[in-house]
PDB file of N, CA and C in Angstrom:
ATOM      1  N   MET A   1     -74.229 -83.405-178.544  1.00  0.00           N
ATOM      2  CA  MET A   1     -74.991 -83.972-179.630  1.00  0.00           C
ATOM      3  C   MET A   1     -74.866 -83.080-180.866  1.00  0.00           C
ATOM      4  N   SER A   2     -74.647 -83.659-182.012  1.00  0.00           N
ATOM      5  CA  SER A   2     -74.475 -82.904-183.244  1.00  0.00           C
ATOM      6  C   SER A   2     -75.830 -82.444-183.780  1.00  0.00           C
ATOM      7  N   ARG A   3     -75.908 -81.229-184.257  1.00  0.00           N
ATOM      8  CA  ARG A   3     -77.178 -80.676-184.738  1.00  0.00           C
ATOM      9  C   ARG A   3     -77.156 -80.412-186.242  1.00  0.00           C
ATOM     10  N   ARG A   4     -76.306 -81.133-186.971  1.00  0.00           N
ATOM     11  CA  ARG A   4     -76.262 -80.936-188.419  1.00  0.00           C
ATOM     12  C   ARG A   4     -77.488 -81.571-189.058  1.00  0.00           C
ATOM     13  N   HIS A   5     -77.844 -81.104-190.237  1.00  0.00           N
ATOM     14  CA  HIS A   5     -79.009 -81.640-190.951  1.00  0.00           C
ATOM     15  C   HIS A   5     -78.632 -82.979-191.574  1.00  0.00           C
ATOM     16  N   ARG A   6     -79.390 -83.991-191.220  1.00  0.00           N
ATOM     17  CA  ARG A   6     -79.152 -85.311-191.779  1.00  0.00           C
ATOM     18  C   ARG A   6     -80.459 -85.862-192.303  1.00  0.00           C
ATOM     19  N   SER A   7     -80.352 -86.775-193.209  1.00  0.00           N
ATOM     20  CA  SER A   7     -81.518 -87.441-193.755  1.00  0.00           C
ATOM     21  C   SER A   7     -81.485 -88.895-193.287  1.00  0.00           C
ATOM     22  N   HIS A   8     -82.609 -89.376-192.808  1.00  0.00           N
ATOM     23  CA  HIS A   8     -82.683 -90.738-192.297  1.00  0.00           C
ATOM     24  C   HIS A   8     -83.666 -91.541-193.135  1.00  0.00           C
ATOM     25  N   SER A   9     -83.332 -92.786-193.350  1.00  0.00           N
ATOM     26  CA  SER A   9     -84.215 -93.656-194.120  1.00  0.00           C
ATOM     27  C   SER A   9     -85.480 -93.947-193.318  1.00  0.00           C
ATOM     28  N   THR A  10     -86.512 -94.294-194.046  1.00  0.00           N
ATOM     29  CA  THR A  10     -87.772 -94.648-193.400  1.00  0.00           C
ATOM     30  C   THR A  10     -87.588 -95.885-192.536  1.00  0.00           C
ATOM     31  N   GLU A  11     -86.763 -96.810-192.992  1.00  0.00           N
ATOM     32  CA  GLU A  11     -86.503 -98.019-192.216  1.00  0.00           C
ATOM     33  C   GLU A  11     -85.856 -97.674-190.878  1.00  0.00           C
ATOM     34  N   PHE A  12     -84.910 -96.743-190.876  1.00  0.00           N
ATOM     35  CA  PHE A  12     -84.268 -96.322-189.636  1.00  0.00           C
ATOM     36  C   PHE A  12     -85.281 -95.668-188.698  1.00  0.00           C
ATOM     37  N   LYS A  13     -86.140 -94.818-189.258  1.00  0.00           N
ATOM     38  CA  LYS A  13     -87.165 -94.154-188.445  1.00  0.00           C
ATOM     39  C   LYS A  13     -88.082 -95.196-187.809  1.00  0.00           C
ATOM     40  N   ARG A  14     -88.479 -96.195-188.597  1.00  0.00           N
ATOM     41  CA  ARG A  14     -89.341 -97.256-188.064  1.00  0.00           C
ATOM     42  C   ARG A  14     -88.629 -98.027-186.946  1.00  0.00           C
ATOM     43  N   GLN A  15     -87.329 -98.245-187.138  1.00  0.00           N
ATOM     44  CA  GLN A  15     -86.552 -98.967-186.121  1.00  0.00           C
ATOM     45  C   GLN A  15     -86.534 -98.187-184.812  1.00  0.00           C
ATOM     46  N   VAL A  16     -86.296 -96.883-184.890  1.00  0.00           N
ATOM     47  CA  VAL A  16     -86.254 -96.051-183.684  1.00  0.00           C
ATOM     48  C   VAL A  16     -87.622 -96.038-183.005  1.00  0.00           C
ATOM     49  N   VAL A  17     -88.687 -95.921-183.796  1.00  0.00           N
ATOM     50  CA  VAL A  17     -90.035 -95.930-183.235  1.00  0.00           C
ATOM     51  C   VAL A  17     -90.314 -97.279-182.571  1.00  0.00           C
ATOM     52  N   ALA A  18     -89.887 -98.364-183.204  1.00  0.00           N
ATOM     53  CA  ALA A  18     -90.085 -99.699-182.621  1.00  0.00           C
ATOM     54  C   ALA A  18     -89.322 -99.834-181.303  1.00  0.00           C
ATOM     55  N   GLU A  19     -88.114 -99.278-181.241  1.00  0.00           N
ATOM     56  CA  GLU A  19     -87.347 -99.308-180.003  1.00  0.00           C
ATOM     57  C   GLU A  19     -88.065 -98.530-178.903  1.00  0.00           C
ATOM     58  N   TYR A  20     -88.670 -97.405-179.290  1.00  0.00           N
ATOM     59  CA  TYR A  20     -89.431 -96.615-178.324  1.00  0.00           C
ATOM     60  C   TYR A  20     -90.622 -97.433-177.799  1.00  0.00           C
ATOM     61  N   HIS A  21     -91.347 -98.058-178.722  1.00  0.00           N
ATOM     62  CA  HIS A  21     -92.498 -98.876-178.314  1.00  0.00           C
ATOM     63  C   HIS A  21     -92.054-100.114-177.537  1.00  0.00           C
ATOM     64  N   GLY A  22     -90.816-100.512-177.703  1.00  0.00           N
ATOM     65  CA  GLY A  22     -90.271-101.640-176.955  1.00  0.00           C
ATOM     66  C   GLY A  22     -89.830-101.270-175.548  1.00  0.00           C
ATOM     67  N   GLY A  23     -89.971-100.009-175.175  1.00  0.00           N
ATOM     68  CA  GLY A  23     -89.664 -99.604-173.809  1.00  0.00           C
ATOM     69  C   GLY A  23     -88.498 -98.646-173.658  1.00  0.00           C
ATOM     70  N   GLU A  24     -87.809 -98.315-174.749  1.00  0.00           N
ATOM     71  CA  GLU A  24     -86.688 -97.367-174.657  1.00  0.00           C
ATOM     72  C   GLU A  24     -87.221 -95.960-174.371  1.00  0.00           C
ATOM     73  N   THR A  25     -86.472 -95.190-173.620  1.00  0.00           N
ATOM     74  CA  THR A  25     -86.861 -93.804-173.355  1.00  0.00           C
ATOM     75  C   THR A  25     -86.392 -92.907-174.494  1.00  0.00           C
ATOM     76  N   LEU A  26     -87.041 -91.778-174.621  1.00  0.00           N
ATOM     77  CA  LEU A  26     -86.630 -90.806-175.645  1.00  0.00           C
ATOM     78  C   LEU A  26     -85.192 -90.368-175.412  1.00  0.00           C
ATOM     79  N   HIS A  27     -84.858 -90.166-174.150  1.00  0.00           N
ATOM     80  CA  HIS A  27     -83.509 -89.717-173.808  1.00  0.00           C
ATOM     81  C   HIS A  27     -82.458 -90.751-174.246  1.00  0.00           C
ATOM     82  N   ALA A  28     -82.711 -92.020-173.941  1.00  0.00           N
ATOM     83  CA  ALA A  28     -81.746 -93.079-174.301  1.00  0.00           C
ATOM     84  C   ALA A  28     -81.635 -93.226-175.816  1.00  0.00           C
ATOM     85  N   LEU A  29     -82.767 -93.175-176.495  1.00  0.00           N
ATOM     86  CA  LEU A  29     -82.744 -93.291-177.966  1.00  0.00           C
ATOM     87  C   LEU A  29     -81.996 -92.117-178.586  1.00  0.00           C
ATOM     88  N   GLY A  30     -82.283 -90.927-178.068  1.00  0.00           N
ATOM     89  CA  GLY A  30     -81.627 -89.737-178.594  1.00  0.00           C
ATOM     90  C   GLY A  30     -80.120 -89.797-178.430  1.00  0.00           C
ATOM     91  N   ARG A  31     -79.689 -90.254-177.273  1.00  0.00           N
ATOM     92  CA  ARG A  31     -78.257 -90.334-177.015  1.00  0.00           C
ATOM     93  C   ARG A  31     -77.602 -91.414-177.881  1.00  0.00           C
ATOM     94  N   ARG A  32     -78.223 -92.577-177.956  1.00  0.00           N
ATOM     95  CA  ARG A  32     -77.627 -93.687-178.699  1.00  0.00           C
ATOM     96  C   ARG A  32     -77.548 -93.414-180.202  1.00  0.00           C
ATOM     97  N   HIS A  33     -78.592 -92.774-180.758  1.00  0.00           N
ATOM     98  CA  HIS A  33     -78.638 -92.549-182.209  1.00  0.00           C
ATOM     99  C   HIS A  33     -78.239 -91.124-182.603  1.00  0.00           C
ATOM    100  N   ASP A  34     -77.857 -90.303-181.627  1.00  0.00           N
ATOM    101  CA  ASP A  34     -77.487 -88.902-181.879  1.00  0.00           C
ATOM    102  C   ASP A  34     -78.642 -88.151-182.545  1.00  0.00           C
ATOM    103  N   LEU A  35     -79.807 -88.244-181.912  1.00  0.00           N
ATOM    104  CA  LEU A  35     -81.023 -87.600-182.418  1.00  0.00           C
ATOM    105  C   LEU A  35     -81.627 -86.741-181.315  1.00  0.00           C
ATOM    106  N   SER A  36     -82.363 -85.719-181.721  1.00  0.00           N
ATOM    107  CA  SER A  36     -83.076 -84.936-180.712  1.00  0.00           C
ATOM    108  C   SER A  36     -84.335 -85.699-180.303  1.00  0.00           C
ATOM    109  N   ARG A  37     -84.710 -85.534-179.061  1.00  0.00           N
ATOM    110  CA  ARG A  37     -85.918 -86.209-178.579  1.00  0.00           C
ATOM    111  C   ARG A  37     -87.154 -85.712-179.319  1.00  0.00           C
ATOM    112  N   ASN A  38     -87.136 -84.436-179.687  1.00  0.00           N
ATOM    113  CA  ASN A  38     -88.269 -83.877-180.419  1.00  0.00           C
ATOM    114  C   ASN A  38     -88.418 -84.562-181.787  1.00  0.00           C
ATOM    115  N   LEU A  39     -87.303 -84.828-182.454  1.00  0.00           N
ATOM    116  CA  LEU A  39     -87.362 -85.508-183.744  1.00  0.00           C
ATOM    117  C   LEU A  39     -87.945 -86.903-183.578  1.00  0.00           C
ATOM    118  N   ILE A  40     -87.556 -87.591-182.531  1.00  0.00           N
ATOM    119  CA  ILE A  40     -88.094 -88.931-182.279  1.00  0.00           C
ATOM    120  C   ILE A  40     -89.596 -88.844-182.017  1.00  0.00           C
ATOM    121  N   ARG A  41     -90.027 -87.825-181.272  1.00  0.00           N
ATOM    122  CA  ARG A  41     -91.473 -87.627-181.040  1.00  0.00           C
ATOM    123  C   ARG A  41     -92.210 -87.432-182.361  1.00  0.00           C
ATOM    124  N   ILE A  42     -91.612 -86.653-183.253  1.00  0.00           N
ATOM    125  CA  ILE A  42     -92.228 -86.421-184.569  1.00  0.00           C
ATOM    126  C   ILE A  42     -92.368 -87.738-185.314  1.00  0.00           C
ATOM    127  N   TRP A  43     -91.326 -88.556-185.301  1.00  0.00           N
ATOM    128  CA  TRP A  43     -91.383 -89.856-185.977  1.00  0.00           C
ATOM    129  C   TRP A  43     -92.452 -90.754-185.372  1.00  0.00           C
ATOM    130  N   ILE A  44     -92.607 -90.712-184.046  1.00  0.00           N
ATOM    131  CA  ILE A  44     -93.632 -91.521-183.381  1.00  0.00           C
ATOM    132  C   ILE A  44     -95.018 -91.090-183.845  1.00  0.00           C
ATOM    133  N   GLU A  45     -95.238 -89.775-183.915  1.00  0.00           N
ATOM    134  CA  GLU A  45     -96.532 -89.269-184.387  1.00  0.00           C
ATOM    135  C   GLU A  45     -96.768 -89.635-185.850  1.00  0.00           C
ATOM    136  N   LYS A  46     -95.730 -89.526-186.659  1.00  0.00           N
ATOM    137  CA  LYS A  46     -95.868 -89.905-188.074  1.00  0.00           C
ATOM    138  C   LYS A  46     -96.198 -91.387-188.208  1.00  0.00           C
ATOM    139  N   ALA A  47     -95.575 -92.199-187.386  1.00  0.00           N
ATOM    140  CA  ALA A  47     -95.853 -93.641-187.426  1.00  0.00           C
ATOM    141  C   ALA A  47     -97.305 -93.913-187.053  1.00  0.00           C
ATOM    142  N   LYS A  48     -97.822 -93.215-186.044  1.00  0.00           N
ATOM    143  CA  LYS A  48     -99.230 -93.363-185.647  1.00  0.00           C
ATOM    144  C   LYS A  48    -100.158 -92.972-186.791  1.00  0.00           C
ATOM    145  N   ALA A  49     -99.775 -91.932-187.538  1.00  0.00           N
ATOM    146  CA  ALA A  49    -100.604 -91.442-188.639  1.00  0.00           C
ATOM    147  C   ALA A  49    -100.419 -92.268-189.907  1.00  0.00           C
ATOM    148  N   GLY A  50     -99.480 -93.215-189.899  1.00  0.00           N
ATOM    149  CA  GLY A  50     -99.257 -94.046-191.079  1.00  0.00           C
ATOM    150  C   GLY A  50     -98.290 -93.450-192.086  1.00  0.00           C
ATOM    151  N   ALA A  51     -97.624 -92.355-191.701  1.00  0.00           N
ATOM    152  CA  ALA A  51     -96.729 -91.674-192.638  1.00  0.00           C
ATOM    153  C   ALA A  51     -95.403 -92.407-192.839  1.00  0.00           C
ATOM    154  N   LEU A  52     -95.142 -93.447-192.040  1.00  0.00           N
ATOM    155  CA  LEU A  52     -93.905 -94.202-192.219  1.00  0.00           C
ATOM    156  C   LEU A  52     -94.176 -95.546-192.906  1.00  0.00           C
ATOM    157  N   ASP A  53     -95.364 -95.686-193.489  1.00  0.00           N
ATOM    158  CA  ASP A  53     -95.704 -96.911-194.210  1.00  0.00           C
ATOM    159  C   ASP A  53     -94.907 -97.000-195.507  1.00  0.00           C
ATOM    160  N   ASP A  54     -94.830 -98.200-196.054  1.00  0.00           N
ATOM    161  CA  ASP A  54     -94.048 -98.430-197.270  1.00  0.00           C
ATOM    162  C   ASP A  54     -94.526 -97.583-198.442  1.00  0.00           C
ATOM    163  N   ASP A  55     -95.848 -97.455-198.625  1.00  0.00           N
ATOM    164  CA  ASP A  55     -96.367 -96.672-199.750  1.00  0.00           C
ATOM    165  C   ASP A  55     -95.984 -95.202-199.631  1.00  0.00           C
ATOM    166  N   VAL A  56     -96.099 -94.672-198.428  1.00  0.00           N
ATOM    167  CA  VAL A  56     -95.748 -93.269-198.204  1.00  0.00           C
ATOM    168  C   VAL A  56     -94.246 -93.087-198.408  1.00  0.00           C
ATOM    169  N   ALA A  57     -93.460 -94.011-197.884  1.00  0.00           N
ATOM    170  CA  ALA A  57     -92.004 -93.925-198.039  1.00  0.00           C
ATOM    171  C   ALA A  57     -91.622 -93.999-199.515  1.00  0.00           C
ATOM    172  N   ALA A  58     -92.279 -94.871-200.265  1.00  0.00           N
ATOM    173  CA  ALA A  58     -91.987 -94.996-201.698  1.00  0.00           C
ATOM    174  C   ALA A  58     -92.346 -93.705-202.432  1.00  0.00           C
ATOM    175  N   ALA A  59     -93.458 -93.096-202.067  1.00  0.00           N
ATOM    176  CA  ALA A  59     -93.862 -91.836-202.703  1.00  0.00           C
ATOM    177  C   ALA A  59     -92.868 -90.725-202.383  1.00  0.00           C
ATOM    178  N   GLU A  60     -92.392 -90.678-201.125  1.00  0.00           N
ATOM    179  CA  GLU A  60     -91.400 -89.668-200.751  1.00  0.00           C
ATOM    180  C   GLU A  60     -90.090 -89.881-201.504  1.00  0.00           C
ATOM    181  N   LEU A  61     -89.679 -91.131-201.619  1.00  0.00           N
ATOM    182  CA  LEU A  61     -88.453 -91.448-202.334  1.00  0.00           C
ATOM    183  C   LEU A  61     -88.579 -91.070-203.810  1.00  0.00           C
ATOM    184  N   MET A  62     -89.736 -91.358-204.387  1.00  0.00           N
ATOM    185  CA  MET A  62     -89.976 -91.011-205.785  1.00  0.00           C
ATOM    186  C   MET A  62     -89.913 -89.494-205.979  1.00  0.00           C
ATOM    187  N   ALA A  63     -90.480 -88.741-205.061  1.00  0.00           N
ATOM    188  CA  ALA A  63     -90.440 -87.277-205.150  1.00  0.00           C
ATOM    189  C   ALA A  63     -89.006 -86.769-205.047  1.00  0.00           C
ATOM    190  N   GLU A  64     -88.207 -87.371-204.161  1.00  0.00           N
ATOM    191  CA  GLU A  64     -86.796 -86.983-204.051  1.00  0.00           C
ATOM    192  C   GLU A  64     -86.058 -87.262-205.351  1.00  0.00           C
ATOM    193  N   TYR A  65     -86.297 -88.445-205.927  1.00  0.00           N
ATOM    194  CA  TYR A  65     -85.640 -88.800-207.190  1.00  0.00           C
ATOM    195  C   TYR A  65     -86.061 -87.860-208.317  1.00  0.00           C
ATOM    196  N   GLU A  66     -87.344 -87.532-208.379  1.00  0.00           N
ATOM    197  CA  GLU A  66     -87.821 -86.634-209.433  1.00  0.00           C
ATOM    198  C   GLU A  66     -87.195 -85.253-209.300  1.00  0.00           C
ATOM    199  N   ALA A  67     -87.053 -84.764-208.080  1.00  0.00           N
ATOM    200  CA  ALA A  67     -86.423 -83.464-207.867  1.00  0.00           C
ATOM    201  C   ALA A  67     -84.955 -83.511-208.275  1.00  0.00           C
ATOM    202  N   ARG A  68     -84.280 -84.595-207.957  1.00  0.00           N
ATOM    203  CA  ARG A  68     -82.867 -84.743-208.327  1.00  0.00           C
ATOM    204  C   ARG A  68     -82.710 -84.828-209.845  1.00  0.00           C
ATOM    205  N   ILE A  69     -83.597 -85.569-210.492  1.00  0.00           N
ATOM    206  CA  ILE A  69     -83.553 -85.687-211.948  1.00  0.00           C
ATOM    207  C   ILE A  69     -83.769 -84.322-212.592  1.00  0.00           C
ATOM    208  N   ALA A  70     -84.731 -83.559-212.085  1.00  0.00           N
ATOM    209  CA  ALA A  70     -84.993 -82.224-212.634  1.00  0.00           C
ATOM    210  C   ALA A  70     -83.765 -81.326-212.472  1.00  0.00           C
ATOM    211  N   ALA A  71     -83.102 -81.396-211.333  1.00  0.00           N
ATOM    212  CA  ALA A  71     -81.899 -80.578-211.106  1.00  0.00           C
ATOM    213  C   ALA A  71     -80.789 -80.993-212.069  1.00  0.00           C
ATOM    214  N   LEU A  72     -80.625 -82.286-212.294  1.00  0.00           N
ATOM    215  CA  LEU A  72     -79.599 -82.762-213.223  1.00  0.00           C
ATOM    216  C   LEU A  72     -79.929 -82.388-214.660  1.00  0.00           C
ATOM    217  N   GLU A  73     -81.218 -82.412-215.020  1.00  0.00           N
ATOM    218  CA  GLU A  73     -81.611 -81.997-216.372  1.00  0.00           C
ATOM    219  C   GLU A  73     -81.316 -80.518-216.594  1.00  0.00           C
ATOM    220  N   ARG A  74     -81.576 -79.679-215.566  1.00  0.00           N
ATOM    221  CA  ARG A  74     -81.252 -78.247-215.689  1.00  0.00           C
ATOM    222  C   ARG A  74     -79.751 -78.053-215.868  1.00  0.00           C
ATOM    223  N   LEU A  75     -78.969 -78.792-215.104  1.00  0.00           N
ATOM    224  CA  LEU A  75     -77.515 -78.706-215.211  1.00  0.00           C
ATOM    225  C   LEU A  75     -77.047 -79.135-216.597  1.00  0.00           C
ATOM    226  N   ALA A  76     -77.612 -80.210-217.118  1.00  0.00           N
ATOM    227  CA  ALA A  76     -77.228 -80.700-218.446  1.00  0.00           C
ATOM    228  C   ALA A  76     -77.578 -79.664-219.524  1.00  0.00           C
ATOM    229  N   ARG A  77     -78.753 -79.032-219.418  1.00  0.00           N
ATOM    230  CA  ARG A  77     -79.129 -77.992-220.407  1.00  0.00           C
ATOM    231  C   ARG A  77     -78.166 -76.815-220.341  1.00  0.00           C
ATOM    232  N   ARG A  78     -77.817 -76.390-219.122  1.00  0.00           N
ATOM    233  CA  ARG A  78     -76.895 -75.259-218.980  1.00  0.00           C
ATOM    234  C   ARG A  78     -75.528 -75.595-219.564  1.00  0.00           C
ATOM    235  N   GLN A  79     -75.052 -76.809-219.306  1.00  0.00           N
ATOM    236  CA  GLN A  79     -73.752 -77.207-219.844  1.00  0.00           C
ATOM    237  C   GLN A  79     -73.804 -77.330-221.363  1.00  0.00           C
ATOM    238  N   ALA A  80     -74.915 -77.802-221.912  1.00  0.00           N
ATOM    239  CA  ALA A  80     -75.052 -77.889-223.364  1.00  0.00           C
ATOM    240  C   ALA A  80     -75.005 -76.496-223.987  1.00  0.00           C
ATOM    241  N   LEU A  81     -75.651 -75.524-223.340  1.00  0.00           N
ATOM    242  CA  LEU A  81     -75.603 -74.147-223.847  1.00  0.00           C
ATOM    243  C   LEU A  81     -74.183 -73.593-223.794  1.00  0.00           C
ATOM    244  N   GLU A  82     -73.472 -73.881-222.716  1.00  0.00           N
ATOM    245  CA  GLU A  82     -72.089 -73.423-222.599  1.00  0.00           C
ATOM    246  C   GLU A  82     -71.216 -74.047-223.669  1.00  0.00           C
ATOM    247  N   ILE A  83     -71.418 -75.319-223.949  1.00  0.00           N
ATOM    248  CA  ILE A  83     -70.636 -76.000-224.989  1.00  0.00           C
ATOM    249  C   ILE A  83     -70.911 -75.373-226.349  1.00  0.00           C
ATOM    250  N   GLU A  84     -72.192 -75.128-226.649  1.00  0.00           N
ATOM    251  CA  GLU A  84     -72.530 -74.500-227.933  1.00  0.00           C
ATOM    252  C   GLU A  84     -71.920 -73.108-228.038  1.00  0.00           C
ATOM    253  N   PHE A  85     -71.954 -72.361-226.952  1.00  0.00           N
ATOM    254  CA  PHE A  85     -71.357 -71.033-226.952  1.00  0.00           C
ATOM    255  C   PHE A  85     -69.858 -71.114-227.236  1.00  0.00           C
ATOM    256  N   LEU A  86     -69.181 -72.046-226.576  1.00  0.00           N
ATOM    257  CA  LEU A  86     -67.737 -72.183-226.766  1.00  0.00           C
ATOM    258  C   LEU A  86     -67.409 -72.676-228.169  1.00  0.00           C
ATOM    259  N   LYS A  87     -68.231 -73.549-228.719  1.00  0.00           N
ATOM    260  CA  LYS A  87     -68.010 -74.000-230.100  1.00  0.00           C
ATOM    261  C   LYS A  87     -68.139 -72.833-231.062  1.00  0.00           C
ATOM    262  N   GLY A  88     -69.115 -71.973-230.824  1.00  0.00           N
ATOM    263  CA  GLY A  88     -69.308 -70.799-231.681  1.00  0.00           C
ATOM    264  C   GLY A  88     -68.134 -69.841-231.593  1.00  0.00           C
ATOM    265  N   ALA A  89     -67.526 -69.737-230.447  1.00  0.00           N
ATOM    266  CA  ALA A  89     -66.389 -68.834-230.273  1.00  0.00           C
ATOM    267  C   ALA A  89     -65.143 -69.373-230.963  1.00  0.00           C
ATOM    268  N   GLN A  90     -65.112 -70.668-231.253  1.00  0.00           N
ATOM    269  CA  GLN A  90     -63.939 -71.279-231.875  1.00  0.00           C
ATOM    270  C   GLN A  90     -64.100 -71.505-233.372  1.00  0.00           C
ATOM    271  N   ARG A  91     -65.191 -71.098-233.952  1.00  0.00           N
ATOM    272  CA  ARG A  91     -65.411 -71.339-235.383  1.00  0.00           C
ATOM    273  C   ARG A  91     -64.380 -70.594-236.222  1.00  0.00           C
ATOM    274  N   PRO A  92     -63.876 -71.233-237.295  1.00  0.00           N
ATOM    275  CA  PRO A  92     -62.908 -70.555-238.164  1.00  0.00           C
ATOM    276  C   PRO A  92     -63.547 -69.362-238.880  1.00  0.00           C
ATOM    277  N   GLY A  93     -62.732 -68.384-239.214  1.00  0.00           N
ATOM    278  CA  GLY A  93     -63.228 -67.222-239.925  1.00  0.00           C
ATOM    279  C   GLY A  93     -63.589 -66.083-239.000  1.00  0.00           C
ATOM    280  N   ARG A  94     -63.644 -66.349-237.744  1.00  0.00           N
ATOM    281  CA  ARG A  94     -63.940 -65.295-236.773  1.00  0.00           C
ATOM    282  C   ARG A  94     -62.636 -64.914-236.103  1.00  0.00           C
ATOM    283  N   SER A  95     -62.236 -63.692-236.299  1.00  0.00           N
ATOM    284  CA  SER A  95     -61.003 -63.260-235.660  1.00  0.00           C
ATOM    285  C   SER A  95     -61.332 -62.663-234.299  1.00  0.00           C
ATOM    286  N   PRO A  96     -60.490 -62.931-233.343  1.00  0.00           N
ATOM    287  CA  PRO A  96     -60.733 -62.348-232.021  1.00  0.00           C
ATOM    288  C   PRO A  96     -60.571 -60.842-232.062  1.00  0.00           C
ATOM    289  N   ARG A  97     -61.328 -60.154-231.276  1.00  0.00           N
ATOM    290  CA  ARG A  97     -61.228 -58.691-231.227  1.00  0.00           C
ATOM    291  C   ARG A  97     -59.931 -58.298-230.535  1.00  0.00           C
ATOM    292  N   SER A  98     -59.268 -57.318-231.100  1.00  0.00           N
ATOM    293  CA  SER A  98     -58.018 -56.895-230.486  1.00  0.00           C
ATOM    294  C   SER A  98     -58.238 -55.737-229.526  1.00  0.00           C
ATOM    295  N   GLY A  99     -59.355 -55.040-229.664  1.00  0.00           N
ATOM    296  CA  GLY A  99     -59.618 -53.890-228.811  1.00  0.00           C
ATOM    297  C   GLY A  99     -60.603 -54.228-227.706  1.00  0.00           C
ATOM    298  N   PRO A 100     -60.926 -53.246-226.918  1.00  0.00           N
ATOM    299  CA  PRO A 100     -61.898 -53.447-225.842  1.00  0.00           C
ATOM    300  C   PRO A 100     -63.273 -53.798-226.402  1.00  0.00           C
ATOM    301  N   ILE A 101     -64.057 -54.500-225.633  1.00  0.00           N
ATOM    302  CA  ILE A 101     -65.375 -54.927-226.077  1.00  0.00           C
ATOM    303  C   ILE A 101     -66.405 -53.833-225.848  1.00  0.00           C
ATOM    304  N   SER A 102     -66.264 -53.062-224.817  1.00  0.00           N
ATOM    305  CA  SER A 102     -67.249 -52.056-224.468  1.00  0.00           C
ATOM    306  C   SER A 102     -67.273 -50.931-225.493  1.00  0.00           C
ATOM    307  N   GLY A 103     -68.467 -50.511-225.883  1.00  0.00           N
ATOM    308  CA  GLY A 103     -68.615 -49.408-226.837  1.00  0.00           C
ATOM    309  C   GLY A 103     -68.109 -48.106-226.260  1.00  0.00           C
ATOM    310  N   THR A 104     -68.251 -47.885-224.998  1.00  0.00           N
ATOM    311  CA  THR A 104     -67.778 -46.648-224.376  1.00  0.00           C
ATOM    312  C   THR A 104     -66.261 -46.578-224.406  1.00  0.00           C
ATOM    313  N   ALA A 105     -65.625 -47.696-224.140  1.00  0.00           N
ATOM    314  CA  ALA A 105     -64.164 -47.711-224.142  1.00  0.00           C
ATOM    315  C   ALA A 105     -63.644 -47.484-225.554  1.00  0.00           C
ATOM    316  N   ASP A 106     -64.371 -47.972-226.576  1.00  0.00           N
ATOM    317  CA  ASP A 106     -63.936 -47.760-227.957  1.00  0.00           C
ATOM    318  C   ASP A 106     -63.948 -46.281-228.307  1.00  0.00           C
ATOM    319  N   ARG A 107     -64.988 -45.582-227.902  1.00  0.00           N
ATOM    320  CA  ARG A 107     -65.077 -44.164-228.230  1.00  0.00           C
ATOM    321  C   ARG A 107     -64.004 -43.357-227.492  1.00  0.00           C
ATOM    322  N   ALA A 108     -63.751 -43.750-226.256  1.00  0.00           N
ATOM    323  CA  ALA A 108     -62.748 -43.012-225.492  1.00  0.00           C
ATOM    324  C   ALA A 108     -61.364 -43.251-226.053  1.00  0.00           C
ATOM    325  N   GLY A 109     -61.115 -44.438-226.556  1.00  0.00           N
ATOM    326  CA  GLY A 109     -59.800 -44.757-227.078  1.00  0.00           C
ATOM    327  C   GLY A 109     -59.599 -44.308-228.511  1.00  0.00           C
ATOM    328  N   SER A 110     -60.654 -43.824-229.215  1.00  0.00           N
ATOM    329  CA  SER A 110     -60.511 -43.451-230.621  1.00  0.00           C
ATOM    330  C   SER A 110     -60.488 -41.948-230.831  1.00  0.00           C
ATOM    331  N   ARG A 111     -60.047 -41.192-229.846  1.00  0.00           N
ATOM    332  CA  ARG A 111     -59.936 -39.748-230.024  1.00  0.00           C
ATOM    333  C   ARG A 111     -58.837 -39.410-231.007  1.00  0.00           C
ATOM    334  N   SER A 112     -59.060 -38.388-231.760  1.00  0.00           N
ATOM    335  CA  SER A 112     -58.014 -37.968-232.680  1.00  0.00           C
ATOM    336  C   SER A 112     -56.983 -37.156-231.907  1.00  0.00           C
ATOM    337  N   SER A 113     -55.828 -36.985-232.471  1.00  0.00           N
ATOM    338  CA  SER A 113     -54.751 -36.275-231.783  1.00  0.00           C
ATOM    339  C   SER A 113     -55.125 -34.822-231.532  1.00  0.00           C
ATOM    340  N   GLY A 114     -56.064 -34.275-232.275  1.00  0.00           N
ATOM    341  CA  GLY A 114     -56.477 -32.894-232.088  1.00  0.00           C
ATOM    342  C   GLY A 114     -57.345 -32.735-230.852  1.00  0.00           C
ATOM    343  N   ASP A 115     -57.972 -33.860-230.373  1.00  0.00           N
ATOM    344  CA  ASP A 115     -58.851 -33.776-229.205  1.00  0.00           C
ATOM    345  C   ASP A 115     -58.059 -33.616-227.919  1.00  0.00           C
ATOM    346  N   ALA A 116     -56.840 -34.131-227.871  1.00  0.00           N
ATOM    347  CA  ALA A 116     -56.055 -34.083-226.631  1.00  0.00           C
ATOM    348  C   ALA A 116     -55.505 -32.701-226.435  1.00  0.00           C
ATOM    349  N   SER A 117     -55.556 -32.163-225.254  1.00  0.00           N
ATOM    350  CA  SER A 117     -55.042 -30.806-225.011  1.00  0.00           C
ATOM    351  C   SER A 117     -53.735 -30.859-224.315  1.00  0.00           C
TER     352      SER A 117
END
């Protein structure tokens, strides 16, 4: 049985719970749907508590969408900053530096010929 993390729709969870209530064993359901029996037990308990109802499922879906939207907005802001940075680096009148950027490297490279022994 595969133990990778998967996400299941509320409708699928309800179907599995209905199959259980219809007389299927946890073992048979787990094997047929590639699920752990413990996960099916959790779904059965959630169904008893009403957590698989349409309103709860809609609220969970909305929370998932809001989290995804927030992640995409962060990505869009970061990309906008990168674009602005790159546009600034390409503006005319700015010549690229020919020497090292680090201040320490500049001082080390600017010794006069009298400093070398």
